[in-house]
C-alpha atoms as a PDB file:
ATOM      1  CA  MET A   1      95.102  80.194 103.354  1.00  0.00           C
ATOM      2  CA  VAL A   2      95.573  83.190 101.095  1.00  0.00           C
ATOM      3  CA  ALA A   3      98.304  85.830 101.170  1.00  0.00           C
ATOM      4  CA  GLY A   4      98.039  89.325  99.745  1.00  0.00           C
ATOM      5  CA  ALA A   5     100.680  91.886  98.807  1.00  0.00           C
ATOM      6  CA  VAL A   6     100.645  95.616  99.390  1.00  0.00           C
ATOM      7  CA  ILE A   7     103.152  96.989  96.876  1.00  0.00           C
ATOM      8  CA  GLU A   8     103.718 100.724  96.717  1.00  0.00           C
ATOM      9  CA  GLY A   9     105.322 102.531  93.817  1.00  0.00           C
ATOM     10  CA  PRO A  10     105.739 106.150  92.776  1.00  0.00           C
ATOM     11  CA  ALA A  11     102.334 106.089  91.036  1.00  0.00           C
ATOM     12  CA  GLY A  12     100.439 104.454  93.933  1.00  0.00           C
ATOM     13  CA  ILE A  13      99.392 100.965  95.019  1.00  0.00           C
ATOM     14  CA  LEU A  14      99.746  97.964  92.719  1.00  0.00           C
ATOM     15  CA  LEU A  15      96.432  96.315  91.879  1.00  0.00           C
ATOM     16  CA  VAL A  16      95.696  93.417  89.546  1.00  0.00           C
ATOM     17  CA  ARG A  17      92.608  92.937  87.399  1.00  0.00           C
ATOM     18  CA  ASN A  18      91.078  89.478  87.791  1.00  0.00           C
ATOM     19  CA  ARG A  19      88.801  87.694  85.333  1.00  0.00           C
ATOM     20  CA  ARG A  20      86.363  85.591  87.347  1.00  0.00           C
ATOM     21  CA  ARG A  21      84.742  82.311  86.267  1.00  0.00           C
ATOM     22  CA  ASN A  22      81.473  84.068  85.416  1.00  0.00           C
ATOM     23  CA  GLY A  23      83.296  86.557  83.156  1.00  0.00           C
ATOM     24  CA  ASP A  24      83.188  89.469  85.602  1.00  0.00           C
ATOM     25  CA  HIS A  25      86.325  91.472  86.373  1.00  0.00           C
ATOM     26  CA  ASP A  26      87.500  93.049  89.615  1.00  0.00           C
ATOM     27  CA  TRP A  27      90.634  94.672  91.014  1.00  0.00           C
ATOM     28  CA  THR A  28      92.546  93.386  94.043  1.00  0.00           C
ATOM     29  CA  PRO A  29      96.043  93.553  95.455  1.00  0.00           C
ATOM     30  CA  PRO A  30      98.213  90.757  94.019  1.00  0.00           C
ATOM     31  CA  GLY A  31      98.365  87.468  95.906  1.00  0.00           C
ATOM     32  CA  GLY A  32      96.688  84.121  96.075  1.00  0.00           C
ATOM     33  CA  VAL A  33      96.347  80.695  97.595  1.00  0.00           C
ATOM     34  CA  ILE A  34      99.358  79.358  99.456  1.00  0.00           C
ATOM     35  CA  ASP A  35     100.002  75.777  98.371  1.00  0.00           C
ATOM     36  CA  ALA A  36     100.147  72.940 100.908  1.00  0.00           C
ATOM     37  CA  GLY A  37     103.607  72.742 102.447  1.00  0.00           C
ATOM     38  CA  GLU A  38     104.565  76.184 101.158  1.00  0.00           C
ATOM     39  CA  GLU A  39     105.815  78.957 103.471  1.00  0.00           C
ATOM     40  CA  VAL A  40     103.463  81.957 103.432  1.00  0.00           C
ATOM     41  CA  LEU A  41     106.035  84.492 102.213  1.00  0.00           C
ATOM     42  CA  GLY A  42     107.502  82.053  99.704  1.00  0.00           C
ATOM     43  CA  GLY A  43     104.042  81.439  98.282  1.00  0.00           C
ATOM     44  CA  LEU A  44     103.260  85.144  98.256  1.00  0.00           C
ATOM     45  CA  SER A  45     106.508  85.887  96.417  1.00  0.00           C
ATOM     46  CA  ARG A  46     105.594  83.204  93.853  1.00  0.00           C
ATOM     47  CA  GLU A  47     102.092  84.612  93.377  1.00  0.00           C
ATOM     48  CA  VAL A  48     103.393  88.184  92.955  1.00  0.00           C
ATOM     49  CA  LEU A  49     105.961  87.045  90.375  1.00  0.00           C
ATOM     50  CA  GLU A  50     103.338  85.095  88.408  1.00  0.00           C
ATOM     51  CA  GLU A  51     100.721  87.822  88.532  1.00  0.00           C
ATOM     52  CA  THR A  52     102.922  90.889  88.033  1.00  0.00           C
ATOM     53  CA  GLY A  53     106.426  89.899  86.925  1.00  0.00           C
ATOM     54  CA  LEU A  54     107.864  91.628  90.017  1.00  0.00           C
ATOM     55  CA  VAL A  55     110.356  90.040  92.404  1.00  0.00           C
ATOM     56  CA  VAL A  56     109.901  90.839  96.088  1.00  0.00           C
ATOM     57  CA  SER A  57     113.065  90.150  98.067  1.00  0.00           C
ATOM     58  CA  ARG A  58     111.890  91.465 101.437  1.00  0.00           C
ATOM     59  CA  TRP A  59     108.483  91.583 103.145  1.00  0.00           C
ATOM     60  CA  GLU A  60     107.172  93.462 106.200  1.00  0.00           C
ATOM     61  CA  GLY A  61     104.191  92.502 108.304  1.00  0.00           C
ATOM     62  CA  PRO A  62     101.633  91.162 108.228  1.00  0.00           C
ATOM     63  CA  LEU A  63      99.942  94.565 107.967  1.00  0.00           C
ATOM     64  CA  TYR A  64      96.558  92.961 108.533  1.00  0.00           C
ATOM     65  CA  GLU A  65      94.820  89.621 108.689  1.00  0.00           C
ATOM     66  CA  ILE A  66      91.357  88.758 107.439  1.00  0.00           C
ATOM     67  CA  SER A  67      89.019  85.953 108.359  1.00  0.00           C
ATOM     68  CA  ALA A  68      85.708  85.388 106.623  1.00  0.00           C
ATOM     69  CA  SER A  69      83.217  82.663 107.466  1.00  0.00           C
ATOM     70  CA  ALA A  70      80.486  81.564 105.054  1.00  0.00           C
ATOM     71  CA  PRO A  71      78.664  78.670 106.744  1.00  0.00           C
ATOM     72  CA  GLY A  72      75.913  78.530 104.117  1.00  0.00           C
ATOM     73  CA  LEU A  73      78.498  78.111 101.365  1.00  0.00           C
ATOM     74  CA  GLY A  74      80.656  75.766 103.430  1.00  0.00           C
ATOM     75  CA  TRP A  75      83.892  77.755 103.448  1.00  0.00           C
ATOM     76  CA  GLN A  76      86.167  79.793 105.646  1.00  0.00           C
ATOM     77  CA  LEU A  77      88.841  82.173 104.392  1.00  0.00           C
ATOM     78  CA  ARG A  78      92.019  83.303 106.101  1.00  0.00           C
ATOM     79  CA  VAL A  79      94.209  86.008 104.574  1.00  0.00           C
ATOM     80  CA  GLU A  80      97.501  87.540 105.656  1.00  0.00           C
ATOM     81  CA  ALA A  81      98.542  90.764 103.902  1.00  0.00           C
ATOM     82  CA  TYR A  82     102.186  91.833 103.794  1.00  0.00           C
ATOM     83  CA  ARG A  83     103.922  94.990 102.571  1.00  0.00           C
ATOM     84  CA  ALA A  84     106.650  94.562  99.956  1.00  0.00           C
ATOM     85  CA  ALA A  85     109.760  96.314 101.308  1.00  0.00           C
ATOM     86  CA  GLU A  86     112.126  95.529  98.403  1.00  0.00           C
ATOM     87  CA  VAL A  87     110.823  95.086  94.855  1.00  0.00           C
ATOM     88  CA  SER A  88     112.601  94.713  91.523  1.00  0.00           C
ATOM     89  CA  GLY A  89     111.617  93.997  87.935  1.00  0.00           C
ATOM     90  CA  ALA A  90     109.065  95.409  85.544  1.00  0.00           C
ATOM     91  CA  LEU A  91     105.319  94.870  85.406  1.00  0.00           C
ATOM     92  CA  ALA A  92     104.657  91.926  83.109  1.00  0.00           C
ATOM     93  CA  PRO A  93     101.599  89.898  84.179  1.00  0.00           C
ATOM     94  CA  ALA A  94     101.814  86.263  83.071  1.00  0.00           C
ATOM     95  CA  ASP A  95      99.428  84.441  85.404  1.00  0.00           C
ATOM     96  CA  PRO A  96      99.591  80.700  84.601  1.00  0.00           C
ATOM     97  CA  ASP A  97      96.053  80.343  85.989  1.00  0.00           C
ATOM     98  CA  GLY A  98      94.729  82.917  83.508  1.00  0.00           C
ATOM     99  CA  ILE A  99      92.942  84.876  86.242  1.00  0.00           C
ATOM    100  CA  VAL A 100      95.072  88.042  86.349  1.00  0.00           C
ATOM    101  CA  VAL A 101      94.703  89.919  83.058  1.00  0.00           C
ATOM    102  CA  ASP A 102      96.251  93.292  83.973  1.00  0.00           C
ATOM    103  CA  ALA A 103      98.393  94.938  86.639  1.00  0.00           C
ATOM    104  CA  ARG A 104      98.907  98.636  87.292  1.00  0.00           C
ATOM    105  CA  TYR A 105      99.743 101.144  89.960  1.00  0.00           C
ATOM    106  CA  VAL A 106      96.669 103.055  91.121  1.00  0.00           C
ATOM    107  CA  ALA A 107      96.865 106.414  92.907  1.00  0.00           C
ATOM    108  CA  VAL A 108      95.990 106.012  96.585  1.00  0.00           C
ATOM    109  CA  GLY A 109      92.964 108.287  96.181  1.00  0.00           C
ATOM    110  CA  ASP A 110      91.676 106.116  93.327  1.00  0.00           C
ATOM    111  CA  CYS A 111      91.980 102.785  95.157  1.00  0.00           C
ATOM    112  CA  GLY A 112      88.484 103.019  96.682  1.00  0.00           C
ATOM    113  CA  PRO A 113      86.722 103.345  93.320  1.00  0.00           C
ATOM    114  CA  ALA A 114      88.985 100.701  91.761  1.00  0.00           C
ATOM    115  CA  LEU A 115      88.159  98.197  94.526  1.00  0.00           C
ATOM    116  CA  ALA A 116      84.417  98.998  94.552  1.00  0.00           C
ATOM    117  CA  GLY A 117      82.282  96.113  93.412  1.00  0.00           C
ATOM    118  CA  GLY A 118      84.638  93.525  94.872  1.00  0.00           C
ATOM    119  CA  HIS A 119      84.405  91.822  98.241  1.00  0.00           C
ATOM    120  CA  PRO A 120      84.467  94.122 101.285  1.00  0.00           C
ATOM    121  CA  TRP A 121      87.132  91.941 102.912  1.00  0.00           C
ATOM    122  CA  VAL A 122      89.439  92.939 100.047  1.00  0.00           C
ATOM    123  CA  ALA A 123      88.750  96.688  99.998  1.00  0.00           C
ATOM    124  CA  GLU A 124      88.089  97.645 103.624  1.00  0.00           C
ATOM    125  CA  PRO A 125      91.347  96.475 105.242  1.00  0.00           C
ATOM    126  CA  LEU A 126      93.554  97.898 102.479  1.00  0.00           C
ATOM    127  CA  LEU A 127      91.738 101.243 102.424  1.00  0.00           C
ATOM    128  CA  ALA A 128      91.896 101.455 106.238  1.00  0.00           C
ATOM    129  CA  TRP A 129      95.648 100.789 106.186  1.00  0.00           C
ATOM    130  CA  LEU A 130      96.196 103.369 103.436  1.00  0.00           C
ATOM    131  CA  GLU A 131      94.336 105.944 105.526  1.00  0.00           C
ATOM    132  CA  GLN A 132      95.897 105.140 108.914  1.00  0.00           C
ATOM    133  CA  ARG A 133      99.276 103.452 108.177  1.00  0.00           C
ATOM    134  CA  TRP A 134      99.276 101.702 111.560  1.00  0.00           C
ATOM    135  CA  GLU A 135     102.205  99.862 113.118  1.00  0.00           C
ATOM    136  CA  GLY A 136     101.849  96.152 113.788  1.00  0.00           C
ATOM    137  CA  SER A 137      98.939  94.093 112.507  1.00  0.00           C
ATOM    138  CA  ARG A 138      95.146  94.362 112.727  1.00  0.00           C
ATOM    139  CA  HIS A 139      92.507  91.681 112.287  1.00  0.00           C
ATOM    140  CA  PHE A 140      89.346  92.101 110.200  1.00  0.00           C
ATOM    141  CA  ARG A 141      86.538  89.542 110.581  1.00  0.00           C
ATOM    142  CA  TYR A 142      83.578  89.020 108.246  1.00  0.00           C
ATOM    143  CA  ARG A 143      80.517  86.805 108.238  1.00  0.00           C
ATOM    144  CA  VAL A 144      78.911  85.837 104.954  1.00  0.00           C
ATOM    145  CA  GLU A 145      75.248  84.775 105.197  1.00  0.00           C
ATOM    146  CA  GLY A 146      73.283  82.998 102.505  1.00  0.00           C
ATOM    147  CA  THR A 147      73.745  80.393  99.808  1.00  0.00           C
ATOM    148  CA  ASP A 148      73.058  82.396  96.625  1.00  0.00           C
ATOM    149  CA  LEU A 149      76.123  84.317  95.448  1.00  0.00           C
ATOM    150  CA  ARG A 150      73.916  87.109  94.072  1.00  0.00           C
ATOM    151  CA  THR A 151      72.147  87.807  97.370  1.00  0.00           C
ATOM    152  CA  LEU A 152      74.763  87.206 100.077  1.00  0.00           C
ATOM    153  CA  THR A 153      74.774  89.414 103.158  1.00  0.00           C
ATOM    154  CA  ILE A 154      78.288  90.311 104.309  1.00  0.00           C
ATOM    155  CA  THR A 155      78.818  91.874 107.717  1.00  0.00           C
ATOM    156  CA  ARG A 156      81.901  92.867 109.614  1.00  0.00           C
ATOM    157  CA  ALA A 157      82.069  90.859 112.831  1.00  0.00           C
END
């Protein structure tokens, strides 16, 4: 179970730059794995604080949910994305896992290019919400085919 944060500021949407195990970098909304026994919003608040230095005192949503199935790789992913309704503090990334190496607000019109090159289940739901700003929650489903990370086929189900 993963939770993601949609945090809006005067300059746009907050994204974090992640350094992956293979040395590549990509941009995503802040968030991460919810620990066993942890409440989703408590875990999301912890992840946002670690990755950005920001304190979220109130959440709305979920805005959208994501499920991705990769039978060839032996995993399934479930994500809930929430909008931060009350935020305080200053940007100061200090990820104890060493994955997040930067955090910045990105203009809404620049989010597509910033998210390009990452997983479609990260970019598509956020970009759709930014365009439509729907009420309630929507579900996005993906199927990941293959066993080689370089040649996976990802389709929206």
